């Protein structure tokens, strides 16, 4: 199954305005992930202590279950637009990224694969999201593929009919601007039906599935 999951504001933004290398989620965008960072299971996975147990805990655990590979856009990997340069930055994720699986990064510019600690390998795909999803599906060996971040790549995958399951973690904030997920997707989302709703104090988690993919 090909899945996409994202935190989204009440007014439909997955990132705030004025995104930059210093502020990758834009003004106010970090609020979209407060629900996630407050959970004990998330903090444990990132070497931190404390945290809460809420209804969101099981949602987060389910999102990470049965995964075999990831797909993401260049902005989520990190590095900004333009040429990679002679000594390219290795992205937002440090020496030991939290994925521990193959990750396929959609980009316009080629780059050799980047092997990191903990089993994460970033492979840079220049043939578009459909090619990246196909490579990820092969690498996943029967497990699920998660399209993880990047509204632009997600929109292209939705428009191409590649997403079997769509998870929206709706956070009760208004950003008023930024990057919207569903702009110009046309009828690409008409074939999805709501299959689950889980609510916690910090977010409402909606799961939609494409008809015939139950």
C-alpha atoms as a PDB file:
ATOM      1  CA  UNK A   1       0.000   0.000   0.000  1.00  0.00           C
ATOM      2  CA  UNK A   2       1.182   3.530  -0.800  1.00  0.00           C
ATOM      3  CA  UNK A   3       0.413   5.910   2.060  1.00  0.00           C
ATOM      4  CA  UNK A   4       0.704   9.633   2.611  1.00  0.00           C
ATOM      5  CA  UNK A   5       0.387  11.255   6.023  1.00  0.00           C
ATOM      6  CA  UNK A   6       0.760  14.894   7.037  1.00  0.00           C
ATOM      7  CA  UNK A   7      -0.070  17.389   9.747  1.00  0.00           C
ATOM      8  CA  UNK A   8      -2.334  20.129   8.426  1.00  0.00           C
ATOM      9  CA  UNK A   9      -3.855  23.312   9.845  1.00  0.00           C
ATOM     10  CA  UNK A  10      -7.579  24.029  10.029  1.00  0.00           C
ATOM     11  CA  UNK A  11      -7.210  26.312   7.012  1.00  0.00           C
ATOM     12  CA  UNK A  12      -5.473  23.629   4.954  1.00  0.00           C
ATOM     13  CA  UNK A  13      -1.772  24.477   5.191  1.00  0.00           C
ATOM     14  CA  UNK A  14       1.026  21.945   5.696  1.00  0.00           C
ATOM     15  CA  UNK A  15       3.614  24.718   6.181  1.00  0.00           C
ATOM     16  CA  UNK A  16       3.423  28.391   7.069  1.00  0.00           C
ATOM     17  CA  UNK A  17       4.478  31.403   4.973  1.00  0.00           C
ATOM     18  CA  UNK A  18       8.066  32.493   4.317  1.00  0.00           C
ATOM     19  CA  UNK A  19       9.734  29.082   4.314  1.00  0.00           C
ATOM     20  CA  UNK A  20      13.527  29.247   4.353  1.00  0.00           C
ATOM     21  CA  UNK A  21      16.588  27.203   5.295  1.00  0.00           C
ATOM     22  CA  UNK A  22      16.484  28.851   8.704  1.00  0.00           C
ATOM     23  CA  UNK A  23      12.717  28.313   9.050  1.00  0.00           C
ATOM     24  CA  UNK A  24      11.877  25.246   6.910  1.00  0.00           C
ATOM     25  CA  UNK A  25       8.221  25.021   7.969  1.00  0.00           C
ATOM     26  CA  UNK A  26       7.579  28.736   7.611  1.00  0.00           C
ATOM     27  CA  UNK A  27       6.144  31.172  10.129  1.00  0.00           C
ATOM     28  CA  UNK A  28       4.059  29.225  12.649  1.00  0.00           C
ATOM     29  CA  UNK A  29       4.577  25.931  10.842  1.00  0.00           C
ATOM     30  CA  UNK A  30       6.226  24.155  13.777  1.00  0.00           C
ATOM     31  CA  UNK A  31       2.886  24.317  15.604  1.00  0.00           C
ATOM     32  CA  UNK A  32       1.623  21.629  13.229  1.00  0.00           C
ATOM     33  CA  UNK A  33       3.931  19.081  14.864  1.00  0.00           C
ATOM     34  CA  UNK A  34       3.521  19.990  18.531  1.00  0.00           C
ATOM     35  CA  UNK A  35       1.107  17.064  18.969  1.00  0.00           C
ATOM     36  CA  UNK A  36       3.782  14.697  17.676  1.00  0.00           C
ATOM     37  CA  UNK A  37       6.719  16.008  19.679  1.00  0.00           C
ATOM     38  CA  UNK A  38       4.706  15.882  22.897  1.00  0.00           C
ATOM     39  CA  UNK A  39       4.215  12.102  22.739  1.00  0.00           C
ATOM     40  CA  UNK A  40       6.330   9.775  24.855  1.00  0.00           C
ATOM     41  CA  UNK A  41       6.758   7.305  21.979  1.00  0.00           C
ATOM     42  CA  UNK A  42       8.116  10.038  19.676  1.00  0.00           C
ATOM     43  CA  UNK A  43      10.462  11.361  22.355  1.00  0.00           C
ATOM     44  CA  UNK A  44      11.772   7.872  23.099  1.00  0.00           C
ATOM     45  CA  UNK A  45      12.475   7.248  19.425  1.00  0.00           C
ATOM     46  CA  UNK A  46      14.522  10.466  19.353  1.00  0.00           C
ATOM     47  CA  UNK A  47      16.511   9.754  22.490  1.00  0.00           C
ATOM     48  CA  UNK A  48      14.479  12.031  24.738  1.00  0.00           C
ATOM     49  CA  UNK A  49      12.639  11.412  27.992  1.00  0.00           C
ATOM     50  CA  UNK A  50       9.139  12.215  29.241  1.00  0.00           C
ATOM     51  CA  UNK A  51       6.130  12.893  27.081  1.00  0.00           C
ATOM     52  CA  UNK A  52       2.433  12.081  27.048  1.00  0.00           C
ATOM     53  CA  UNK A  53       0.295   9.033  26.284  1.00  0.00           C
ATOM     54  CA  UNK A  54      -2.851  10.054  24.397  1.00  0.00           C
ATOM     55  CA  UNK A  55      -5.101   8.687  21.681  1.00  0.00           C
ATOM     56  CA  UNK A  56      -2.489  10.030  19.240  1.00  0.00           C
ATOM     57  CA  UNK A  57       0.026   7.466  20.517  1.00  0.00           C
ATOM     58  CA  UNK A  58      -1.634   4.566  18.724  1.00  0.00           C
ATOM     59  CA  UNK A  59      -2.034   6.689  15.586  1.00  0.00           C
ATOM     60  CA  UNK A  60       1.696   7.357  15.508  1.00  0.00           C
ATOM     61  CA  UNK A  61       2.546   3.704  16.120  1.00  0.00           C
ATOM     62  CA  UNK A  62       0.209   2.614  13.313  1.00  0.00           C
ATOM     63  CA  UNK A  63       1.772   5.140  10.928  1.00  0.00           C
ATOM     64  CA  UNK A  64       5.168   3.513  11.443  1.00  0.00           C
ATOM     65  CA  UNK A  65       3.972  -0.079  11.157  1.00  0.00           C
ATOM     66  CA  UNK A  66       4.737  -2.322   8.156  1.00  0.00           C
ATOM     67  CA  UNK A  67       6.852   0.278   6.359  1.00  0.00           C
ATOM     68  CA  UNK A  68       9.469  -0.777   3.843  1.00  0.00           C
ATOM     69  CA  UNK A  69      10.505   2.520   2.208  1.00  0.00           C
ATOM     70  CA  UNK A  70       9.869   6.271   2.073  1.00  0.00           C
ATOM     71  CA  UNK A  71       9.443   8.888  -0.638  1.00  0.00           C
ATOM     72  CA  UNK A  72      10.017  12.596   0.019  1.00  0.00           C
ATOM     73  CA  UNK A  73      10.686  15.847  -1.798  1.00  0.00           C
ATOM     74  CA  UNK A  74      13.949  17.744  -1.770  1.00  0.00           C
ATOM     75  CA  UNK A  75      12.657  20.359   0.672  1.00  0.00           C
ATOM     76  CA  UNK A  76      11.992  17.692   3.268  1.00  0.00           C
ATOM     77  CA  UNK A  77      15.415  16.158   2.710  1.00  0.00           C
ATOM     78  CA  UNK A  78      17.021  19.596   3.000  1.00  0.00           C
ATOM     79  CA  UNK A  79      19.410  21.704   1.016  1.00  0.00           C
ATOM     80  CA  UNK A  80      17.200  24.235  -0.725  1.00  0.00           C
ATOM     81  CA  UNK A  81      16.796  24.698  -4.497  1.00  0.00           C
ATOM     82  CA  UNK A  82      19.585  24.879  -7.035  1.00  0.00           C
ATOM     83  CA  UNK A  83      22.737  22.813  -7.602  1.00  0.00           C
ATOM     84  CA  UNK A  84      23.922  20.519  -4.832  1.00  0.00           C
ATOM     85  CA  UNK A  85      27.439  21.956  -4.960  1.00  0.00           C
ATOM     86  CA  UNK A  86      30.837  20.320  -4.585  1.00  0.00           C
ATOM     87  CA  UNK A  87      30.347  19.524  -0.897  1.00  0.00           C
ATOM     88  CA  UNK A  88      26.570  18.988  -0.612  1.00  0.00           C
ATOM     89  CA  UNK A  89      24.832  19.240   2.712  1.00  0.00           C
ATOM     90  CA  UNK A  90      23.447  15.954   4.062  1.00  0.00           C
ATOM     91  CA  UNK A  91      20.056  17.398   4.923  1.00  0.00           C
ATOM     92  CA  UNK A  92      18.087  18.071   8.084  1.00  0.00           C
ATOM     93  CA  UNK A  93      18.466  14.586   9.527  1.00  0.00           C
ATOM     94  CA  UNK A  94      22.009  14.298  10.851  1.00  0.00           C
ATOM     95  CA  UNK A  95      24.291  11.271  10.767  1.00  0.00           C
ATOM     96  CA  UNK A  96      21.628   8.818  11.992  1.00  0.00           C
ATOM     97  CA  UNK A  97      18.264   9.763  10.415  1.00  0.00           C
ATOM     98  CA  UNK A  98      15.087   8.375  12.017  1.00  0.00           C
ATOM     99  CA  UNK A  99      13.937   6.446   8.937  1.00  0.00           C
ATOM    100  CA  UNK A 100      16.191   3.329   9.096  1.00  0.00           C
ATOM    101  CA  UNK A 101      14.904   2.321   5.651  1.00  0.00           C
ATOM    102  CA  UNK A 102      15.516   3.245   1.999  1.00  0.00           C
ATOM    103  CA  UNK A 103      14.380   6.825   1.240  1.00  0.00           C
ATOM    104  CA  UNK A 104      13.815   8.060  -2.313  1.00  0.00           C
ATOM    105  CA  UNK A 105      14.155  11.828  -2.723  1.00  0.00           C
ATOM    106  CA  UNK A 106      12.414  13.491  -5.678  1.00  0.00           C
ATOM    107  CA  UNK A 107      14.709  16.153  -7.151  1.00  0.00           C
ATOM    108  CA  UNK A 108      15.547  17.763 -10.479  1.00  0.00           C
ATOM    109  CA  UNK A 109      19.304  17.432  -9.982  1.00  0.00           C
ATOM    110  CA  UNK A 110      21.256  14.157  -9.795  1.00  0.00           C
ATOM    111  CA  UNK A 111      23.303  13.168  -6.771  1.00  0.00           C
ATOM    112  CA  UNK A 112      24.972   9.934  -5.719  1.00  0.00           C
ATOM    113  CA  UNK A 113      23.158   7.917  -3.024  1.00  0.00           C
ATOM    114  CA  UNK A 114      23.841   8.906   0.565  1.00  0.00           C
ATOM    115  CA  UNK A 115      24.301   6.062   3.052  1.00  0.00           C
ATOM    116  CA  UNK A 116      23.785   7.021   6.708  1.00  0.00           C
ATOM    117  CA  UNK A 117      24.004   5.301  10.060  1.00  0.00           C
ATOM    118  CA  UNK A 118      21.114   3.145  11.218  1.00  0.00           C
ATOM    119  CA  UNK A 119      20.174   1.707   7.838  1.00  0.00           C
ATOM    120  CA  UNK A 120      18.937   4.869   6.082  1.00  0.00           C
ATOM    121  CA  UNK A 121      20.016   5.340   2.461  1.00  0.00           C
ATOM    122  CA  UNK A 122      18.859   8.398   0.504  1.00  0.00           C
ATOM    123  CA  UNK A 123      18.541   7.758  -3.234  1.00  0.00           C
ATOM    124  CA  UNK A 124      17.957  10.826  -5.403  1.00  0.00           C
ATOM    125  CA  UNK A 125      15.428  10.342  -8.214  1.00  0.00           C
ATOM    126  CA  UNK A 126      15.294  12.775 -11.139  1.00  0.00           C
ATOM    127  CA  UNK A 127      12.500  11.108 -13.136  1.00  0.00           C
ATOM    128  CA  UNK A 128       9.610  12.411 -11.011  1.00  0.00           C
ATOM    129  CA  UNK A 129       7.397  11.124  -8.208  1.00  0.00           C
ATOM    130  CA  UNK A 130       6.004   8.172 -10.147  1.00  0.00           C
ATOM    131  CA  UNK A 131       9.500   6.806 -10.709  1.00  0.00           C
ATOM    132  CA  UNK A 132      10.373   7.379  -7.048  1.00  0.00           C
ATOM    133  CA  UNK A 133       7.249   5.513  -5.900  1.00  0.00           C
ATOM    134  CA  UNK A 134       8.027   2.619  -8.244  1.00  0.00           C
ATOM    135  CA  UNK A 135      11.572   2.338  -6.869  1.00  0.00           C
ATOM    136  CA  UNK A 136      10.284   2.569  -3.300  1.00  0.00           C
ATOM    137  CA  UNK A 137       7.697  -0.135  -3.935  1.00  0.00           C
ATOM    138  CA  UNK A 138      10.422  -2.474  -5.186  1.00  0.00           C
ATOM    139  CA  UNK A 139      12.654  -1.682  -2.216  1.00  0.00           C
ATOM    140  CA  UNK A 140       9.791  -2.213   0.242  1.00  0.00           C
ATOM    141  CA  UNK A 141       9.479  -5.885  -0.792  1.00  0.00           C
ATOM    142  CA  UNK A 142       5.750  -6.153  -0.130  1.00  0.00           C
ATOM    143  CA  UNK A 143       5.580  -3.728   2.785  1.00  0.00           C
ATOM    144  CA  UNK A 144       4.027  -0.265   2.660  1.00  0.00           C
ATOM    145  CA  UNK A 145       5.593   2.849   1.146  1.00  0.00           C
ATOM    146  CA  UNK A 146       5.162   6.157   2.994  1.00  0.00           C
ATOM    147  CA  UNK A 147       5.192   9.415   1.051  1.00  0.00           C
ATOM    148  CA  UNK A 148       6.497  11.479   3.916  1.00  0.00           C
ATOM    149  CA  UNK A 149       6.310  15.239   3.655  1.00  0.00           C
ATOM    150  CA  UNK A 150       6.372  17.778   0.890  1.00  0.00           C
ATOM    151  CA  UNK A 151       2.995  19.071  -0.295  1.00  0.00           C
ATOM    152  CA  UNK A 152       4.199  19.437  -3.881  1.00  0.00           C
ATOM    153  CA  UNK A 153       5.299  15.813  -4.213  1.00  0.00           C
ATOM    154  CA  UNK A 154       2.145  14.652  -2.402  1.00  0.00           C
ATOM    155  CA  UNK A 155      -0.097  16.612  -4.785  1.00  0.00           C
ATOM    156  CA  UNK A 156       1.645  15.075  -7.784  1.00  0.00           C
ATOM    157  CA  UNK A 157       1.201  11.593  -6.316  1.00  0.00           C
ATOM    158  CA  UNK A 158      -2.487  12.256  -5.621  1.00  0.00           C
ATOM    159  CA  UNK A 159      -3.020  13.552  -9.151  1.00  0.00           C
ATOM    160  CA  UNK A 160      -1.320  10.436 -10.552  1.00  0.00           C
ATOM    161  CA  UNK A 161      -3.586   8.144  -8.509  1.00  0.00           C
ATOM    162  CA  UNK A 162      -0.662   6.654  -6.599  1.00  0.00           C
ATOM    163  CA  UNK A 163      -1.870   7.200  -3.016  1.00  0.00           C
ATOM    164  CA  UNK A 164      -3.929   4.345  -1.570  1.00  0.00           C
ATOM    165  CA  UNK A 165      -4.299   5.790   1.951  1.00  0.00           C
ATOM    166  CA  UNK A 166      -4.341   9.429   3.014  1.00  0.00           C
ATOM    167  CA  UNK A 167      -3.800  10.396   6.658  1.00  0.00           C
ATOM    168  CA  UNK A 168      -4.552  13.954   7.790  1.00  0.00           C
ATOM    169  CA  UNK A 169      -3.529  15.000  11.299  1.00  0.00           C
ATOM    170  CA  UNK A 170      -5.643  18.145  11.649  1.00  0.00           C
ATOM    171  CA  UNK A 171      -4.205  20.565  14.205  1.00  0.00           C
ATOM    172  CA  UNK A 172      -6.413  23.334  15.691  1.00  0.00           C
ATOM    173  CA  UNK A 173      -4.315  26.263  14.465  1.00  0.00           C
ATOM    174  CA  UNK A 174      -4.839  28.823  11.689  1.00  0.00           C
ATOM    175  CA  UNK A 175      -1.733  29.735   9.680  1.00  0.00           C
ATOM    176  CA  UNK A 176      -3.366  32.181   7.257  1.00  0.00           C
ATOM    177  CA  UNK A 177      -0.866  31.442   4.492  1.00  0.00           C
ATOM    178  CA  UNK A 178       1.869  29.108   3.356  1.00  0.00           C
ATOM    179  CA  UNK A 179       1.750  25.872   1.382  1.00  0.00           C
ATOM    180  CA  UNK A 180      -1.625  24.232   0.883  1.00  0.00           C
ATOM    181  CA  UNK A 181      -2.013  20.525   0.176  1.00  0.00           C
ATOM    182  CA  UNK A 182      -5.180  20.422  -1.888  1.00  0.00           C
ATOM    183  CA  UNK A 183      -4.785  23.388  -4.235  1.00  0.00           C
ATOM    184  CA  UNK A 184      -5.361  22.448  -7.894  1.00  0.00           C
ATOM    185  CA  UNK A 185      -5.788  18.711  -7.310  1.00  0.00           C
ATOM    186  CA  UNK A 186      -9.124  18.740  -9.144  1.00  0.00           C
ATOM    187  CA  UNK A 187     -11.011  15.454  -8.855  1.00  0.00           C
ATOM    188  CA  UNK A 188      -7.966  13.534  -7.639  1.00  0.00           C
ATOM    189  CA  UNK A 189      -9.439  13.193  -4.137  1.00  0.00           C
ATOM    190  CA  UNK A 190     -12.997  12.314  -5.177  1.00  0.00           C
ATOM    191  CA  UNK A 191     -12.405   8.586  -4.869  1.00  0.00           C
ATOM    192  CA  UNK A 192     -11.383   8.629  -1.194  1.00  0.00           C
ATOM    193  CA  UNK A 193     -13.659   7.705   1.687  1.00  0.00           C
ATOM    194  CA  UNK A 194     -13.208   8.253   5.413  1.00  0.00           C
ATOM    195  CA  UNK A 195     -12.422   4.986   7.182  1.00  0.00           C
ATOM    196  CA  UNK A 196     -11.266   6.167  10.618  1.00  0.00           C
ATOM    197  CA  UNK A 197     -11.312   9.219  12.882  1.00  0.00           C
ATOM    198  CA  UNK A 198      -9.305   9.378  16.109  1.00  0.00           C
ATOM    199  CA  UNK A 199      -9.378  12.493  18.290  1.00  0.00           C
ATOM    200  CA  UNK A 200      -6.942  13.597  20.966  1.00  0.00           C
ATOM    201  CA  UNK A 201      -6.568  16.896  22.838  1.00  0.00           C
ATOM    202  CA  UNK A 202      -3.987  18.147  20.335  1.00  0.00           C
ATOM    203  CA  UNK A 203      -5.161  16.823  16.943  1.00  0.00           C
ATOM    204  CA  UNK A 204      -7.876  15.002  15.034  1.00  0.00           C
ATOM    205  CA  UNK A 205      -6.557  12.143  12.920  1.00  0.00           C
ATOM    206  CA  UNK A 206      -8.541  11.392   9.740  1.00  0.00           C
ATOM    207  CA  UNK A 207      -7.725   8.338   7.615  1.00  0.00           C
ATOM    208  CA  UNK A 208      -9.080   8.190   4.072  1.00  0.00           C
ATOM    209  CA  UNK A 209      -8.696   5.255   1.734  1.00  0.00           C
ATOM    210  CA  UNK A 210      -9.151   5.004  -2.000  1.00  0.00           C
ATOM    211  CA  UNK A 211     -12.195   2.895  -2.812  1.00  0.00           C
ATOM    212  CA  UNK A 212     -11.201  -0.648  -3.619  1.00  0.00           C
ATOM    213  CA  UNK A 213      -8.054  -0.467  -1.455  1.00  0.00           C
ATOM    214  CA  UNK A 214      -9.628  -1.591   1.852  1.00  0.00           C
END
